[in-house]
């Protein structure tokens, strides 16, 4: 039996958040077309949003599903003088999302190449044990249009372009955003890092943390 796969994207802004309109426009114009034009189509797209944005997201494509969190998860924390964005929730605190063998996550302003999902499935469809996979990204500066290397990620420090395969969905199932992407390797027995060249983190003036 083929494994089930879902690409999960966080987009749960408050109705009056001034950042939403720009992020939605960028997602619609730049991010979503790259997702819909993947070389493989056998994956679901699930957007974590607030209920008042459900129909807006579903209107973008019949492939898009929406789900919600039962609790407020957004926090901003300051560590060594820098502000960091924390947005994590347990599986038990979600509603409207089914359990998938493979969950993948990218941010709503990040870009992927056409065979990004195919690379994930090439590695994880043959996996037999819990496996974490992440890509080494580059940055794309929206103002200067320059692509540059990003900080180095590795087996014990995963990037925000990541996937988690869980063969046992009945016991201790983890939501892909239950913890920081840096630490998600801890929930698997094996980790894989894909070299740079397949994805780009967009730097712009509404970033939560990229390029801080």
N, C-alpha and C. Protein backbone atom coordinates (compact mmCIF):
# COMPACT_ATOMS: atom_id res chain seq x y z
N UNK A 1 0.84 -1.19 0.00
CA UNK A 1 0.00 0.00 0.00
C UNK A 1 0.88 1.25 0.00
N UNK A 2 0.55 2.22 -0.84
CA UNK A 2 1.32 3.45 -0.92
C UNK A 2 1.12 4.28 0.35
N UNK A 3 2.13 4.98 0.75
CA UNK A 3 2.05 5.82 1.95
C UNK A 3 1.26 7.10 1.65
N UNK A 4 0.58 7.60 2.66
CA UNK A 4 -0.14 8.87 2.53
C UNK A 4 0.80 10.01 2.90
N UNK A 5 0.61 11.15 2.24
CA UNK A 5 1.55 12.27 2.39
C UNK A 5 0.77 13.58 2.37
N UNK A 6 1.11 14.47 3.29
CA UNK A 6 0.46 15.77 3.35
C UNK A 6 1.49 16.88 3.54
N UNK A 7 1.35 17.94 2.77
CA UNK A 7 2.15 19.14 2.95
C UNK A 7 1.37 20.10 3.84
N UNK A 8 1.92 20.43 5.00
CA UNK A 8 1.24 21.24 6.00
C UNK A 8 1.84 22.65 6.00
N UNK A 9 0.96 23.65 5.98
CA UNK A 9 1.40 25.05 5.96
C UNK A 9 0.65 25.82 7.04
N UNK A 10 1.40 26.53 7.89
CA UNK A 10 0.78 27.35 8.94
C UNK A 10 0.38 28.71 8.37
N UNK A 11 -0.90 29.10 8.61
CA UNK A 11 -1.36 30.38 8.10
C UNK A 11 -2.49 30.91 8.99
N UNK A 12 -2.36 30.75 10.29
CA UNK A 12 -3.46 31.09 11.18
C UNK A 12 -3.28 32.48 11.80
N UNK A 13 -3.51 33.48 10.96
CA UNK A 13 -3.45 34.87 11.40
C UNK A 13 -4.82 35.34 11.88
N UNK A 14 -4.81 36.32 12.80
CA UNK A 14 -6.06 36.92 13.23
C UNK A 14 -6.68 37.71 12.08
N UNK A 15 -8.00 37.92 12.15
CA UNK A 15 -8.72 38.54 11.06
C UNK A 15 -8.19 39.93 10.72
N UNK A 16 -7.77 40.68 11.72
CA UNK A 16 -7.33 42.05 11.48
C UNK A 16 -5.81 42.20 11.48
N UNK A 17 -5.08 41.10 11.36
CA UNK A 17 -3.62 41.17 11.35
C UNK A 17 -3.16 41.86 10.06
N UNK A 18 -2.41 42.96 10.16
CA UNK A 18 -2.01 43.70 8.96
C UNK A 18 -1.05 42.93 8.05
N UNK A 19 -0.47 41.86 8.56
CA UNK A 19 0.47 41.07 7.76
C UNK A 19 -0.23 40.10 6.82
N UNK A 20 -1.50 39.81 7.09
CA UNK A 20 -2.16 38.73 6.37
C UNK A 20 -2.29 39.00 4.87
N UNK A 21 -2.75 40.19 4.50
CA UNK A 21 -3.02 40.47 3.09
C UNK A 21 -1.77 40.28 2.23
N UNK A 22 -0.65 40.83 2.69
CA UNK A 22 0.57 40.68 1.90
C UNK A 22 1.00 39.22 1.83
N UNK A 23 0.98 38.53 2.96
CA UNK A 23 1.41 37.13 2.97
C UNK A 23 0.48 36.26 2.10
N UNK A 24 -0.80 36.53 2.16
CA UNK A 24 -1.74 35.76 1.33
C UNK A 24 -1.46 35.99 -0.15
N UNK A 25 -1.21 37.25 -0.53
CA UNK A 25 -0.92 37.56 -1.93
C UNK A 25 0.36 36.89 -2.40
N UNK A 26 1.37 36.90 -1.56
CA UNK A 26 2.64 36.27 -1.93
C UNK A 26 2.47 34.75 -2.03
N UNK A 27 1.71 34.19 -1.10
CA UNK A 27 1.45 32.76 -1.14
C UNK A 27 0.71 32.38 -2.42
N UNK A 28 -0.31 33.15 -2.77
CA UNK A 28 -1.11 32.86 -3.95
C UNK A 28 -0.30 33.00 -5.24
N UNK A 29 0.55 34.01 -5.30
CA UNK A 29 1.27 34.30 -6.54
C UNK A 29 2.56 33.52 -6.70
N UNK A 30 3.26 33.26 -5.60
CA UNK A 30 4.61 32.72 -5.68
C UNK A 30 4.79 31.33 -5.08
N UNK A 31 4.09 31.06 -4.00
CA UNK A 31 4.30 29.81 -3.27
C UNK A 31 3.40 28.69 -3.78
N UNK A 32 2.10 28.96 -3.83
CA UNK A 32 1.15 27.92 -4.22
C UNK A 32 1.37 27.39 -5.63
N UNK A 33 1.66 28.22 -6.64
CA UNK A 33 1.90 27.65 -7.97
C UNK A 33 3.03 26.63 -7.98
N UNK A 34 4.05 26.82 -7.18
CA UNK A 34 5.16 25.86 -7.11
C UNK A 34 4.73 24.56 -6.44
N UNK A 35 3.77 24.66 -5.54
CA UNK A 35 3.24 23.46 -4.89
C UNK A 35 2.35 22.68 -5.86
N UNK A 36 1.49 23.39 -6.55
CA UNK A 36 0.55 22.73 -7.47
C UNK A 36 1.25 22.15 -8.70
N UNK A 37 2.42 22.69 -9.04
CA UNK A 37 3.14 22.24 -10.23
C UNK A 37 4.24 21.23 -9.92
N UNK A 38 4.13 20.55 -8.81
CA UNK A 38 5.11 19.52 -8.48
C UNK A 38 5.05 18.37 -9.49
N UNK A 39 6.16 17.70 -9.66
CA UNK A 39 6.22 16.59 -10.62
C UNK A 39 5.38 15.40 -10.18
N UNK A 40 5.07 15.31 -8.90
CA UNK A 40 4.13 14.29 -8.42
C UNK A 40 2.93 15.01 -7.80
N UNK A 41 1.77 14.40 -7.86
CA UNK A 41 0.54 15.04 -7.38
C UNK A 41 -0.13 14.24 -6.26
N UNK A 42 0.48 13.15 -5.84
CA UNK A 42 -0.16 12.23 -4.90
C UNK A 42 0.02 12.65 -3.45
N UNK A 43 -0.13 13.94 -3.17
CA UNK A 43 -0.03 14.42 -1.79
C UNK A 43 -1.13 15.44 -1.55
N UNK A 44 -1.55 15.56 -0.31
CA UNK A 44 -2.56 16.53 0.07
C UNK A 44 -1.88 17.84 0.50
N UNK A 45 -2.65 18.90 0.46
CA UNK A 45 -2.19 20.22 0.93
C UNK A 45 -3.14 20.64 2.04
N UNK A 46 -2.61 20.84 3.23
CA UNK A 46 -3.44 21.21 4.38
C UNK A 46 -2.94 22.50 4.99
N UNK A 47 -3.83 23.48 5.12
CA UNK A 47 -3.46 24.78 5.66
C UNK A 47 -4.07 24.96 7.04
N UNK A 48 -3.21 25.24 8.00
CA UNK A 48 -3.63 25.53 9.37
C UNK A 48 -4.00 27.01 9.41
N UNK A 49 -5.29 27.28 9.48
CA UNK A 49 -5.76 28.67 9.49
C UNK A 49 -6.83 28.83 10.55
N UNK A 50 -7.32 30.05 10.70
CA UNK A 50 -8.47 30.30 11.56
C UNK A 50 -9.75 30.15 10.73
N UNK A 51 -10.87 29.75 11.36
CA UNK A 51 -12.08 29.41 10.60
C UNK A 51 -12.57 30.49 9.66
N UNK A 52 -12.39 31.78 10.02
CA UNK A 52 -12.90 32.84 9.16
C UNK A 52 -12.11 32.97 7.85
N UNK A 53 -10.99 32.27 7.72
CA UNK A 53 -10.23 32.27 6.47
C UNK A 53 -10.41 30.97 5.68
N UNK A 54 -11.24 30.05 6.17
CA UNK A 54 -11.40 28.75 5.52
C UNK A 54 -11.73 28.87 4.04
N UNK A 55 -12.80 29.57 3.74
CA UNK A 55 -13.28 29.64 2.35
C UNK A 55 -12.30 30.36 1.44
N UNK A 56 -11.58 31.33 1.99
CA UNK A 56 -10.59 32.05 1.20
C UNK A 56 -9.51 31.09 0.71
N UNK A 57 -9.02 30.24 1.60
CA UNK A 57 -7.97 29.29 1.20
C UNK A 57 -8.53 28.20 0.29
N UNK A 58 -9.70 27.69 0.62
CA UNK A 58 -10.27 26.62 -0.20
C UNK A 58 -10.60 27.11 -1.61
N UNK A 59 -10.82 28.41 -1.78
CA UNK A 59 -11.13 28.95 -3.10
C UNK A 59 -9.91 28.96 -4.01
N UNK A 60 -8.71 28.81 -3.45
CA UNK A 60 -7.49 28.86 -4.25
C UNK A 60 -7.29 27.59 -5.07
N UNK A 61 -7.73 26.46 -4.54
CA UNK A 61 -7.55 25.19 -5.24
C UNK A 61 -8.41 24.12 -4.58
N UNK A 62 -9.02 23.24 -5.38
CA UNK A 62 -9.80 22.13 -4.80
C UNK A 62 -8.91 21.14 -4.04
N UNK A 63 -7.60 21.23 -4.20
CA UNK A 63 -6.70 20.32 -3.50
C UNK A 63 -6.43 20.76 -2.07
N UNK A 64 -6.79 22.00 -1.73
CA UNK A 64 -6.46 22.53 -0.41
C UNK A 64 -7.50 22.11 0.63
N UNK A 65 -7.00 21.58 1.74
CA UNK A 65 -7.81 21.29 2.91
C UNK A 65 -7.43 22.29 4.01
N UNK A 66 -8.34 22.54 4.92
CA UNK A 66 -8.03 23.45 6.04
C UNK A 66 -8.27 22.71 7.35
N UNK A 67 -7.55 23.12 8.38
CA UNK A 67 -7.75 22.56 9.71
C UNK A 67 -7.43 23.64 10.74
N UNK A 68 -7.76 23.34 12.01
CA UNK A 68 -7.64 24.36 13.04
C UNK A 68 -7.02 23.80 14.31
N UNK A 69 -6.55 24.70 15.15
CA UNK A 69 -6.08 24.34 16.48
C UNK A 69 -7.14 24.72 17.50
N UNK A 70 -7.29 23.89 18.52
CA UNK A 70 -8.27 24.16 19.57
C UNK A 70 -7.76 25.19 20.57
N UNK A 71 -6.45 25.42 20.56
CA UNK A 71 -5.84 26.33 21.52
C UNK A 71 -4.98 27.34 20.78
N UNK A 72 -4.76 28.50 21.38
CA UNK A 72 -3.88 29.51 20.80
C UNK A 72 -2.44 29.08 21.01
N UNK A 73 -1.66 29.06 19.93
CA UNK A 73 -0.32 28.50 20.02
C UNK A 73 0.79 29.51 19.81
N UNK A 74 0.47 30.73 19.38
CA UNK A 74 1.50 31.69 18.99
C UNK A 74 2.11 32.38 20.20
N UNK A 75 3.43 32.38 20.26
CA UNK A 75 4.18 33.08 21.29
C UNK A 75 5.40 33.74 20.67
N UNK A 76 5.83 34.85 21.26
CA UNK A 76 7.08 35.47 20.88
C UNK A 76 7.97 35.48 22.11
N UNK A 77 9.18 34.95 21.95
CA UNK A 77 10.10 34.86 23.08
C UNK A 77 11.41 35.53 22.72
N UNK A 78 12.03 36.14 23.71
CA UNK A 78 13.31 36.80 23.49
C UNK A 78 14.43 35.96 24.09
N UNK A 79 15.43 35.65 23.28
CA UNK A 79 16.56 34.86 23.72
C UNK A 79 17.83 35.57 23.30
N UNK A 80 18.65 35.88 24.26
CA UNK A 80 19.91 36.60 24.01
C UNK A 80 19.71 37.85 23.16
N UNK A 81 18.66 38.60 23.50
CA UNK A 81 18.41 39.87 22.85
C UNK A 81 17.68 39.81 21.53
N UNK A 82 17.36 38.60 21.04
CA UNK A 82 16.67 38.45 19.76
C UNK A 82 15.28 37.86 19.98
N UNK A 83 14.31 38.35 19.21
CA UNK A 83 12.94 37.86 19.33
C UNK A 83 12.71 36.68 18.39
N UNK A 84 12.17 35.59 18.93
CA UNK A 84 11.92 34.39 18.14
C UNK A 84 10.43 34.07 18.15
N UNK A 85 10.00 33.45 17.07
CA UNK A 85 8.59 33.10 16.86
C UNK A 85 8.37 31.65 17.23
N UNK A 86 7.46 31.39 18.16
CA UNK A 86 7.13 30.03 18.60
C UNK A 86 5.67 29.75 18.24
N UNK A 87 5.45 28.66 17.54
CA UNK A 87 4.10 28.35 17.07
C UNK A 87 3.93 26.84 16.98
N UNK A 88 3.77 26.21 18.11
CA UNK A 88 3.73 24.75 18.16
C UNK A 88 2.48 24.27 18.89
N UNK A 89 1.96 23.13 18.46
CA UNK A 89 0.75 22.58 19.08
C UNK A 89 0.82 21.06 19.01
N UNK A 90 0.24 20.40 20.00
CA UNK A 90 0.21 18.94 20.02
C UNK A 90 -0.89 18.42 19.10
N UNK A 91 -0.71 17.17 18.65
CA UNK A 91 -1.70 16.55 17.79
C UNK A 91 -3.08 16.56 18.45
N UNK A 92 -3.12 16.32 19.74
CA UNK A 92 -4.39 16.23 20.46
C UNK A 92 -5.16 17.55 20.46
N UNK A 93 -4.46 18.65 20.18
CA UNK A 93 -5.09 19.97 20.22
C UNK A 93 -5.47 20.47 18.83
N UNK A 94 -5.51 19.57 17.84
CA UNK A 94 -5.92 19.92 16.49
C UNK A 94 -7.30 19.36 16.18
N UNK A 95 -7.96 19.97 15.21
CA UNK A 95 -9.21 19.42 14.70
C UNK A 95 -9.26 19.62 13.19
N UNK A 96 -9.73 18.57 12.49
CA UNK A 96 -9.91 18.67 11.05
C UNK A 96 -8.75 18.16 10.22
N UNK A 97 -7.72 17.60 10.86
CA UNK A 97 -6.58 17.06 10.12
C UNK A 97 -6.47 15.56 10.40
N UNK A 98 -6.42 14.76 9.34
CA UNK A 98 -6.27 13.32 9.52
C UNK A 98 -4.80 12.96 9.72
N UNK A 99 -4.56 11.74 10.15
CA UNK A 99 -3.19 11.27 10.33
C UNK A 99 -2.63 10.75 9.01
N UNK A 100 -1.47 11.24 8.66
CA UNK A 100 -0.78 10.81 7.44
C UNK A 100 0.49 10.05 7.80
N UNK A 101 0.88 9.13 6.93
CA UNK A 101 2.17 8.45 7.14
C UNK A 101 3.31 9.45 7.11
N UNK A 102 3.25 10.39 6.16
CA UNK A 102 4.29 11.40 6.00
C UNK A 102 3.67 12.78 6.10
N UNK A 103 4.21 13.61 6.98
CA UNK A 103 3.86 15.02 7.02
C UNK A 103 5.09 15.82 6.58
N UNK A 104 4.89 16.78 5.71
CA UNK A 104 5.95 17.69 5.31
C UNK A 104 5.52 19.11 5.65
N UNK A 105 6.48 19.96 5.93
CA UNK A 105 6.16 21.33 6.28
C UNK A 105 7.05 22.35 5.58
N UNK A 106 6.43 23.39 5.06
CA UNK A 106 7.16 24.57 4.62
C UNK A 106 6.40 25.79 5.14
N UNK A 107 7.07 26.93 5.20
CA UNK A 107 6.40 28.15 5.62
C UNK A 107 5.62 28.76 4.46
N UNK A 108 4.68 29.62 4.78
CA UNK A 108 3.76 30.16 3.77
C UNK A 108 4.43 31.13 2.81
N UNK A 109 5.69 31.50 3.05
CA UNK A 109 6.40 32.41 2.16
C UNK A 109 7.65 31.77 1.56
N UNK A 110 7.73 30.44 1.60
CA UNK A 110 8.92 29.75 1.11
C UNK A 110 8.70 29.11 -0.25
N UNK A 111 9.78 28.96 -1.00
CA UNK A 111 9.70 28.51 -2.39
C UNK A 111 10.39 27.15 -2.57
N UNK A 112 9.79 26.30 -3.40
CA UNK A 112 10.35 24.97 -3.64
C UNK A 112 10.44 24.72 -5.14
N UNK A 113 11.39 23.88 -5.53
CA UNK A 113 11.55 23.54 -6.94
C UNK A 113 10.55 22.45 -7.33
N UNK A 114 10.36 22.20 -8.65
CA UNK A 114 9.30 21.30 -9.10
C UNK A 114 9.38 19.86 -8.58
N UNK A 115 10.58 19.34 -8.30
CA UNK A 115 10.66 17.94 -7.85
C UNK A 115 10.90 17.82 -6.34
N UNK A 116 10.57 18.85 -5.61
CA UNK A 116 10.76 18.85 -4.15
C UNK A 116 10.01 17.69 -3.49
N UNK A 117 8.73 17.57 -3.76
CA UNK A 117 7.93 16.49 -3.16
C UNK A 117 8.40 15.13 -3.66
N UNK A 118 8.79 15.07 -4.92
CA UNK A 118 9.28 13.81 -5.46
C UNK A 118 10.52 13.33 -4.72
N UNK A 119 11.40 14.24 -4.35
CA UNK A 119 12.61 13.88 -3.60
C UNK A 119 12.23 13.32 -2.23
N UNK A 120 11.28 13.98 -1.58
CA UNK A 120 10.81 13.49 -0.27
C UNK A 120 10.29 12.07 -0.40
N UNK A 121 9.43 11.85 -1.36
CA UNK A 121 8.81 10.54 -1.50
C UNK A 121 9.80 9.48 -1.95
N UNK A 122 10.80 9.86 -2.72
CA UNK A 122 11.83 8.92 -3.13
C UNK A 122 12.55 8.34 -1.91
N UNK A 123 12.74 9.15 -0.91
CA UNK A 123 13.42 8.69 0.31
C UNK A 123 12.46 8.05 1.32
N UNK A 124 11.28 8.61 1.48
CA UNK A 124 10.42 8.18 2.58
C UNK A 124 9.39 7.12 2.19
N UNK A 125 9.05 6.99 0.92
CA UNK A 125 8.12 5.92 0.54
C UNK A 125 8.74 4.54 0.74
N UNK A 126 10.07 4.46 0.75
CA UNK A 126 10.75 3.19 0.97
C UNK A 126 11.20 3.00 2.41
N UNK A 127 10.95 3.99 3.25
CA UNK A 127 11.38 3.91 4.65
C UNK A 127 10.54 2.88 5.41
N UNK A 128 11.15 2.24 6.38
CA UNK A 128 10.45 1.26 7.20
C UNK A 128 10.48 1.62 8.69
N UNK A 129 11.26 2.63 9.06
CA UNK A 129 11.34 3.08 10.45
C UNK A 129 11.04 4.57 10.51
N UNK A 130 10.67 5.11 11.67
CA UNK A 130 10.41 6.55 11.78
C UNK A 130 11.60 7.36 11.26
N UNK A 131 11.34 8.24 10.32
CA UNK A 131 12.42 8.95 9.63
C UNK A 131 12.11 10.44 9.53
N UNK A 132 13.11 11.23 9.83
CA UNK A 132 13.06 12.68 9.67
C UNK A 132 13.90 13.05 8.45
N UNK A 133 13.40 13.97 7.64
CA UNK A 133 14.14 14.43 6.46
C UNK A 133 14.07 15.95 6.42
N UNK A 134 15.17 16.59 6.07
CA UNK A 134 15.13 18.03 5.88
C UNK A 134 16.03 18.43 4.72
N UNK A 135 15.75 19.59 4.15
CA UNK A 135 16.52 20.15 3.04
C UNK A 135 17.40 21.29 3.56
N UNK A 136 18.59 21.39 3.02
CA UNK A 136 19.43 22.57 3.27
C UNK A 136 18.93 23.69 2.36
N UNK A 137 18.33 24.74 2.92
CA UNK A 137 17.81 25.81 2.06
C UNK A 137 18.85 26.88 1.74
N UNK A 138 18.51 27.71 0.78
CA UNK A 138 19.19 28.98 0.55
C UNK A 138 18.19 30.09 0.84
N UNK A 139 18.67 31.33 0.88
CA UNK A 139 17.76 32.45 1.08
C UNK A 139 17.53 33.18 -0.24
N UNK A 140 16.31 33.70 -0.41
CA UNK A 140 15.96 34.54 -1.56
C UNK A 140 15.52 35.88 -1.02
N UNK A 141 16.28 36.92 -1.28
CA UNK A 141 15.97 38.26 -0.79
C UNK A 141 15.02 38.92 -1.78
N UNK A 142 13.80 39.18 -1.34
CA UNK A 142 12.77 39.71 -2.24
C UNK A 142 13.10 41.12 -2.71
N UNK A 143 13.80 41.87 -1.90
CA UNK A 143 14.14 43.26 -2.28
C UNK A 143 15.27 43.30 -3.29
N UNK A 144 16.32 42.52 -3.06
CA UNK A 144 17.49 42.56 -3.94
C UNK A 144 17.47 41.48 -5.02
N UNK A 145 16.57 40.49 -4.87
CA UNK A 145 16.46 39.34 -5.77
C UNK A 145 17.71 38.47 -5.75
N UNK A 146 18.47 38.54 -4.68
CA UNK A 146 19.70 37.76 -4.56
C UNK A 146 19.46 36.46 -3.81
N UNK A 147 20.12 35.41 -4.28
CA UNK A 147 20.10 34.12 -3.60
C UNK A 147 21.44 33.94 -2.90
N UNK A 148 21.37 33.57 -1.62
CA UNK A 148 22.60 33.40 -0.85
C UNK A 148 22.52 32.11 -0.03
N UNK A 149 23.67 31.58 0.38
CA UNK A 149 23.66 30.42 1.28
C UNK A 149 23.00 30.76 2.61
N UNK A 150 22.47 29.74 3.26
CA UNK A 150 21.86 29.91 4.57
C UNK A 150 22.71 29.17 5.59
N UNK A 151 22.47 29.43 6.85
CA UNK A 151 23.19 28.72 7.90
C UNK A 151 23.13 27.22 7.68
N UNK A 152 24.14 26.52 8.13
CA UNK A 152 24.24 25.09 7.86
C UNK A 152 23.36 24.28 8.80
N UNK A 153 22.51 23.42 8.21
CA UNK A 153 21.71 22.48 8.99
C UNK A 153 22.31 21.09 8.85
N UNK A 154 22.00 20.22 9.82
CA UNK A 154 22.61 18.90 9.82
C UNK A 154 21.70 17.90 10.52
N UNK A 155 22.18 16.70 10.75
CA UNK A 155 21.35 15.62 11.29
C UNK A 155 20.77 15.95 12.66
N UNK A 156 21.43 16.79 13.44
CA UNK A 156 20.97 17.12 14.78
C UNK A 156 20.50 18.57 14.88
N UNK A 157 20.29 19.20 13.74
CA UNK A 157 19.73 20.55 13.68
C UNK A 157 19.00 20.68 12.34
N UNK A 158 17.72 20.38 12.34
CA UNK A 158 16.98 20.32 11.10
C UNK A 158 16.47 21.67 10.62
N UNK A 159 16.29 21.81 9.32
CA UNK A 159 15.81 23.07 8.74
C UNK A 159 14.28 23.12 8.77
N UNK A 160 13.74 24.28 8.35
CA UNK A 160 12.29 24.48 8.32
C UNK A 160 11.65 23.85 7.08
N UNK A 161 12.44 23.30 6.19
CA UNK A 161 11.95 22.51 5.06
C UNK A 161 12.10 21.04 5.44
N UNK A 162 11.08 20.44 5.99
CA UNK A 162 11.28 19.15 6.63
C UNK A 162 10.07 18.24 6.51
N UNK A 163 10.33 16.96 6.77
CA UNK A 163 9.28 15.93 6.71
C UNK A 163 9.49 14.96 7.86
N UNK A 164 8.40 14.30 8.26
CA UNK A 164 8.45 13.27 9.29
C UNK A 164 7.60 12.09 8.86
N UNK A 165 8.23 10.92 8.78
CA UNK A 165 7.52 9.68 8.47
C UNK A 165 7.30 8.91 9.76
N UNK A 166 6.02 8.56 10.02
CA UNK A 166 5.66 7.80 11.22
C UNK A 166 4.87 6.57 10.79
N UNK A 167 5.51 5.40 10.78
CA UNK A 167 4.81 4.20 10.34
C UNK A 167 3.70 3.74 11.28
N UNK A 168 3.81 4.08 12.56
CA UNK A 168 2.79 3.71 13.54
C UNK A 168 1.97 4.96 13.88
N UNK A 169 0.78 5.06 13.30
CA UNK A 169 -0.06 6.23 13.51
C UNK A 169 -0.99 6.07 14.71
N UNK A 170 -0.92 4.94 15.38
CA UNK A 170 -1.82 4.67 16.51
C UNK A 170 -1.21 5.01 17.86
N UNK A 171 0.12 5.04 17.92
CA UNK A 171 0.77 5.29 19.22
C UNK A 171 1.70 6.49 19.15
N UNK A 172 1.46 7.45 20.03
CA UNK A 172 2.36 8.59 20.20
C UNK A 172 2.58 9.36 18.90
N UNK A 173 1.52 9.55 18.13
CA UNK A 173 1.62 10.26 16.85
C UNK A 173 1.94 11.73 17.09
N UNK A 174 2.86 12.26 16.30
CA UNK A 174 3.30 13.65 16.46
C UNK A 174 2.85 14.51 15.29
N UNK A 175 2.34 15.68 15.61
CA UNK A 175 2.08 16.69 14.59
C UNK A 175 3.41 17.32 14.20
N UNK A 176 3.58 17.61 12.93
CA UNK A 176 4.88 18.07 12.45
C UNK A 176 5.28 19.42 13.05
N UNK A 177 4.30 20.18 13.55
CA UNK A 177 4.62 21.44 14.24
C UNK A 177 4.34 21.35 15.73
N UNK A 178 4.65 20.20 16.31
CA UNK A 178 4.54 20.06 17.77
C UNK A 178 5.78 20.60 18.47
N UNK A 179 6.83 20.85 17.71
CA UNK A 179 8.12 21.29 18.25
C UNK A 179 8.85 22.07 17.16
N UNK A 180 9.95 22.68 17.52
CA UNK A 180 10.74 23.43 16.54
C UNK A 180 11.29 22.51 15.46
N UNK A 181 11.37 23.02 14.24
CA UNK A 181 11.96 22.23 13.16
C UNK A 181 13.39 21.81 13.48
N UNK A 182 14.06 22.59 14.29
CA UNK A 182 15.43 22.28 14.69
C UNK A 182 15.49 20.95 15.42
N UNK A 183 14.43 20.62 16.16
CA UNK A 183 14.44 19.46 17.05
C UNK A 183 13.62 18.28 16.57
N UNK A 184 12.98 18.36 15.42
CA UNK A 184 12.08 17.29 15.00
C UNK A 184 12.78 15.96 14.73
N UNK A 185 14.08 16.00 14.52
CA UNK A 185 14.83 14.75 14.33
C UNK A 185 14.73 13.84 15.54
N UNK A 186 14.44 14.41 16.70
CA UNK A 186 14.36 13.63 17.94
C UNK A 186 13.18 12.65 17.93
N UNK A 187 12.22 12.87 17.05
CA UNK A 187 11.04 12.02 17.00
C UNK A 187 11.16 10.91 15.96
N UNK A 188 12.35 10.70 15.48
CA UNK A 188 12.59 9.66 14.48
C UNK A 188 13.82 8.84 14.87
N UNK A 189 13.95 7.68 14.26
CA UNK A 189 15.12 6.83 14.50
C UNK A 189 16.22 7.08 13.48
N UNK A 190 15.87 7.80 12.42
CA UNK A 190 16.83 8.07 11.35
C UNK A 190 16.57 9.47 10.82
N UNK A 191 17.63 10.15 10.39
CA UNK A 191 17.47 11.47 9.81
C UNK A 191 18.26 11.58 8.51
N UNK A 192 17.71 12.34 7.56
CA UNK A 192 18.32 12.53 6.24
C UNK A 192 18.39 14.02 5.96
N UNK A 193 19.52 14.50 5.44
CA UNK A 193 19.65 15.90 5.04
C UNK A 193 19.90 15.95 3.53
N UNK A 194 19.05 16.68 2.81
CA UNK A 194 19.18 16.85 1.37
C UNK A 194 20.00 18.11 1.09
N UNK A 195 21.02 18.04 0.25
CA UNK A 195 21.87 19.21 -0.02
C UNK A 195 21.09 20.39 -0.62
N UNK A 196 21.69 21.57 -0.57
CA UNK A 196 21.07 22.81 -1.05
C UNK A 196 20.79 22.75 -2.55
N UNK A 197 19.82 23.56 -2.96
CA UNK A 197 19.50 23.68 -4.37
C UNK A 197 18.06 23.37 -4.72
N UNK A 198 17.25 23.02 -3.71
CA UNK A 198 15.87 22.62 -3.96
C UNK A 198 14.84 23.54 -3.33
N UNK A 199 15.25 24.47 -2.45
CA UNK A 199 14.28 25.31 -1.75
C UNK A 199 14.94 26.60 -1.27
N UNK A 200 14.08 27.62 -1.07
CA UNK A 200 14.56 28.94 -0.73
C UNK A 200 13.66 29.59 0.31
N UNK A 201 14.25 30.11 1.37
CA UNK A 201 13.52 30.87 2.38
C UNK A 201 13.50 32.34 1.97
N UNK A 202 12.32 32.90 1.80
CA UNK A 202 12.20 34.27 1.33
C UNK A 202 12.47 35.26 2.46
N UNK A 203 13.34 36.22 2.21
CA UNK A 203 13.61 37.30 3.15
C UNK A 203 12.82 38.53 2.70
N UNK A 204 12.00 39.07 3.60
CA UNK A 204 11.21 40.25 3.29
C UNK A 204 10.94 41.00 4.59
N UNK A 205 10.21 42.09 4.52
CA UNK A 205 10.05 42.93 5.71
C UNK A 205 8.96 42.45 6.66
N UNK A 206 8.33 41.31 6.37
CA UNK A 206 7.32 40.76 7.27
C UNK A 206 7.71 39.39 7.78
N UNK A 207 9.00 39.07 7.74
CA UNK A 207 9.46 37.78 8.25
C UNK A 207 9.21 37.68 9.75
N UNK A 208 8.90 36.46 10.20
CA UNK A 208 8.84 36.22 11.64
C UNK A 208 10.26 36.07 12.19
N UNK A 209 11.13 35.35 11.44
CA UNK A 209 12.49 35.13 11.96
C UNK A 209 13.54 35.02 10.87
N UNK A 210 13.18 34.59 9.65
CA UNK A 210 14.18 34.40 8.59
C UNK A 210 14.92 35.70 8.30
N UNK A 211 16.23 35.63 8.33
CA UNK A 211 17.02 36.81 8.01
C UNK A 211 17.03 37.87 9.08
N UNK A 212 16.63 37.47 10.31
CA UNK A 212 16.58 38.42 11.42
C UNK A 212 17.95 39.02 11.69
